[in-house]
Amino acid sequence: MNMTTTQAERDVCLQFLEVCGTRQMLANTTDQVMDAIVNAHFDGILHESPHLVHKVAEVKVQALKAMQIGWAQYEMELLAALGEIYAQYFSVEEMEEMIELYQNPTLQKMVGLTPQLQAEGSSVGRLIGEKAGEMAGKILQEMLGGESDA
């Protein structure tokens, strides 16, 4: 961490990361990653021992809670490190201006909806990718004269 930043710089950077949605985005991403890790681990156990379904469900909840508590210890450290990066490029005054901009109700609505918009957008991207894959497959089949090794 760059020790040349002042407390005022660190404070305003942390405030900016809060109002621009970075802190919430980190929390959402971390929750998704932890959930995926726990599910992958316990899905393997259930595959081998399906009779443990009730015990696994209970332990999954406990594991997620423990991981979230553990994450909380690192969250401020991560945000502080991100704040240091912003402090390298923006003055306190510039950060205060950005905070003011991000406090606009319409921008706050956009920030709040960003995860949902990204999720819905990625499903559109998957659909387009599937259609492009189908189209590429048809073109390749036509080019190969309808023959396929698949």
Protein backbone atom coordinates (compact mmCIF):
# COMPACT_ATOMS: atom_id res chain seq x y z
CA MET A 1 0.00 0.00 0.00
CA ASN A 2 1.21 3.49 -0.82
CA MET A 3 1.88 5.15 2.52
CA THR A 4 1.98 8.63 0.96
CA THR A 5 -1.81 8.90 0.80
CA THR A 6 -3.40 10.98 3.52
CA GLN A 7 -6.26 9.91 5.73
CA ALA A 8 -8.49 12.39 3.85
CA GLU A 9 -7.57 10.71 0.54
CA ARG A 10 -8.26 7.26 1.94
CA ASP A 11 -11.58 8.36 3.44
CA VAL A 12 -12.85 10.03 0.28
CA CYS A 13 -11.76 7.03 -1.83
CA LEU A 14 -13.64 4.62 0.43
CA GLN A 15 -16.69 6.87 0.29
CA PHE A 16 -16.50 6.90 -3.52
CA LEU A 17 -16.19 3.11 -3.69
CA GLU A 18 -19.34 2.89 -1.59
CA VAL A 19 -21.47 5.33 -3.62
CA CYS A 20 -20.36 4.01 -7.01
CA GLY A 21 -21.42 0.49 -6.07
CA THR A 22 -17.97 -1.11 -5.96
CA ARG A 23 -18.39 -2.35 -2.41
CA GLN A 24 -21.75 -3.95 -3.23
CA MET A 25 -20.37 -5.45 -6.44
CA LEU A 26 -17.51 -7.01 -4.48
CA ALA A 27 -19.96 -8.41 -1.94
CA ASN A 28 -22.21 -9.85 -4.67
CA THR A 29 -19.30 -11.38 -6.56
CA THR A 30 -17.82 -12.84 -3.38
CA ASP A 31 -21.18 -14.35 -2.40
CA GLN A 32 -21.51 -15.95 -5.85
CA VAL A 33 -17.97 -17.36 -5.73
CA MET A 34 -18.39 -18.71 -2.20
CA ASP A 35 -21.75 -20.25 -3.11
CA ALA A 36 -20.23 -21.91 -6.19
CA ILE A 37 -17.30 -23.30 -4.17
CA VAL A 38 -19.55 -24.66 -1.44
CA ASN A 39 -22.03 -26.13 -3.93
CA ALA A 40 -19.29 -27.79 -5.97
CA HIS A 41 -17.78 -29.32 -2.84
CA PHE A 42 -21.05 -30.60 -1.42
CA ASP A 43 -22.43 -31.74 -4.79
CA GLY A 44 -19.50 -34.16 -4.95
CA ILE A 45 -20.32 -35.47 -1.48
CA LEU A 46 -24.00 -35.90 -2.36
CA HIS A 47 -23.11 -37.69 -5.58
CA GLU A 48 -21.19 -40.29 -3.58
CA SER A 49 -23.49 -40.33 -0.52
CA PRO A 50 -27.03 -39.19 -1.40
CA HIS A 51 -28.33 -40.31 2.01
CA LEU A 52 -26.50 -37.34 3.59
CA VAL A 53 -28.73 -34.76 1.88
CA HIS A 54 -30.18 -33.29 5.11
CA LYS A 55 -26.83 -33.14 6.89
CA VAL A 56 -25.16 -31.58 3.84
CA ALA A 57 -27.83 -28.86 3.59
CA GLU A 58 -27.22 -27.91 7.22
CA VAL A 59 -23.45 -27.89 6.87
CA LYS A 60 -23.67 -25.87 3.62
CA VAL A 61 -25.46 -23.05 5.43
CA GLN A 62 -22.88 -23.11 8.24
CA ALA A 63 -20.00 -23.15 5.75
CA LEU A 64 -21.37 -20.15 3.84
CA LYS A 65 -21.82 -18.19 7.08
CA ALA A 66 -18.26 -19.00 8.15
CA MET A 67 -16.90 -17.97 4.74
CA GLN A 68 -18.82 -14.68 4.86
CA ILE A 69 -17.41 -13.90 8.30
CA GLY A 70 -13.93 -14.70 7.02
CA TRP A 71 -14.45 -12.50 3.97
CA ALA A 72 -15.49 -9.54 6.13
CA GLN A 73 -11.96 -9.50 7.56
CA TYR A 74 -10.51 -8.94 4.08
CA GLU A 75 -13.15 -6.64 2.63
CA MET A 76 -11.85 -3.42 4.20
CA GLU A 77 -8.28 -4.33 3.27
CA LEU A 78 -9.33 -4.86 -0.34
CA LEU A 79 -11.34 -1.64 -0.44
CA ALA A 80 -8.42 0.26 1.07
CA ALA A 81 -6.11 -1.12 -1.62
CA LEU A 82 -8.59 -0.08 -4.33
CA GLY A 83 -8.82 3.33 -2.68
CA GLU A 84 -5.04 3.66 -2.91
CA ILE A 85 -5.28 3.05 -6.65
CA TYR A 86 -7.94 5.74 -7.08
CA ALA A 87 -5.89 8.13 -4.94
CA GLN A 88 -3.03 7.82 -7.44
CA TYR A 89 -5.19 9.21 -10.24
CA PHE A 90 -7.70 11.53 -8.56
CA SER A 91 -7.34 14.38 -6.09
CA VAL A 92 -9.58 14.65 -3.04
CA GLU A 93 -11.52 17.39 -4.81
CA GLU A 94 -12.04 15.23 -7.91
CA MET A 95 -13.19 12.31 -5.77
CA GLU A 96 -15.65 14.60 -3.97
CA GLU A 97 -17.01 15.74 -7.35
CA MET A 98 -17.42 12.10 -8.45
CA ILE A 99 -19.19 11.28 -5.18
CA GLU A 100 -21.57 14.16 -5.81
CA LEU A 101 -22.26 12.88 -9.33
CA TYR A 102 -22.88 9.34 -8.10
CA GLN A 103 -25.39 10.62 -5.55
CA ASN A 104 -27.71 11.61 -8.38
CA PRO A 105 -30.89 9.48 -7.96
CA THR A 106 -30.89 8.29 -11.58
CA LEU A 107 -27.24 7.28 -11.43
CA GLN A 108 -27.87 5.54 -8.10
CA LYS A 109 -30.72 3.62 -9.73
CA MET A 110 -28.38 2.56 -12.52
CA VAL A 111 -25.71 1.50 -10.03
CA GLY A 112 -28.27 -0.48 -8.03
CA LEU A 113 -29.60 -2.21 -11.14
CA THR A 114 -26.19 -2.96 -12.66
CA PRO A 115 -25.95 -6.54 -11.32
CA GLN A 116 -29.44 -7.35 -12.63
CA LEU A 117 -28.74 -5.67 -15.96
CA GLN A 118 -25.48 -7.59 -16.29
CA ALA A 119 -27.19 -10.89 -15.45
CA GLU A 120 -29.97 -10.30 -17.96
CA GLY A 121 -27.46 -9.05 -20.53
CA SER A 122 -25.32 -12.15 -20.12
CA SER A 123 -28.32 -14.38 -20.82
CA VAL A 124 -28.87 -12.44 -24.06
CA GLY A 125 -25.17 -12.89 -24.83
CA ARG A 126 -25.45 -16.65 -24.27
CA LEU A 127 -28.48 -16.82 -26.57
CA ILE A 128 -26.66 -14.89 -29.29
CA GLY A 129 -23.60 -17.12 -28.79
CA GLU A 130 -25.74 -20.25 -29.18
CA LYS A 131 -27.33 -18.89 -32.37
CA ALA A 132 -23.91 -17.92 -33.74
CA GLY A 133 -22.65 -21.43 -32.92
CA GLU A 134 -25.60 -23.02 -34.72
CA MET A 135 -25.05 -20.76 -37.72
CA ALA A 136 -21.33 -21.58 -37.80
CA GLY A 137 -22.14 -25.29 -37.59
CA LYS A 138 -24.55 -25.04 -40.54
CA ILE A 139 -22.04 -23.09 -42.61
CA LEU A 140 -19.29 -25.60 -41.85
CA GLN A 141 -21.59 -28.51 -42.71
CA GLU A 142 -22.50 -26.88 -46.01
CA MET A 143 -18.85 -26.18 -46.78
CA LEU A 144 -17.94 -29.78 -45.99
CA GLY A 145 -20.77 -31.09 -48.14
CA GLY A 146 -22.93 -32.21 -45.26
CA GLU A 147 -20.26 -34.56 -43.90
CA SER A 148 -19.32 -34.37 -40.27
CA ASP A 149 -17.03 -36.33 -37.97
CA ALA A 150 -19.27 -35.51 -35.01
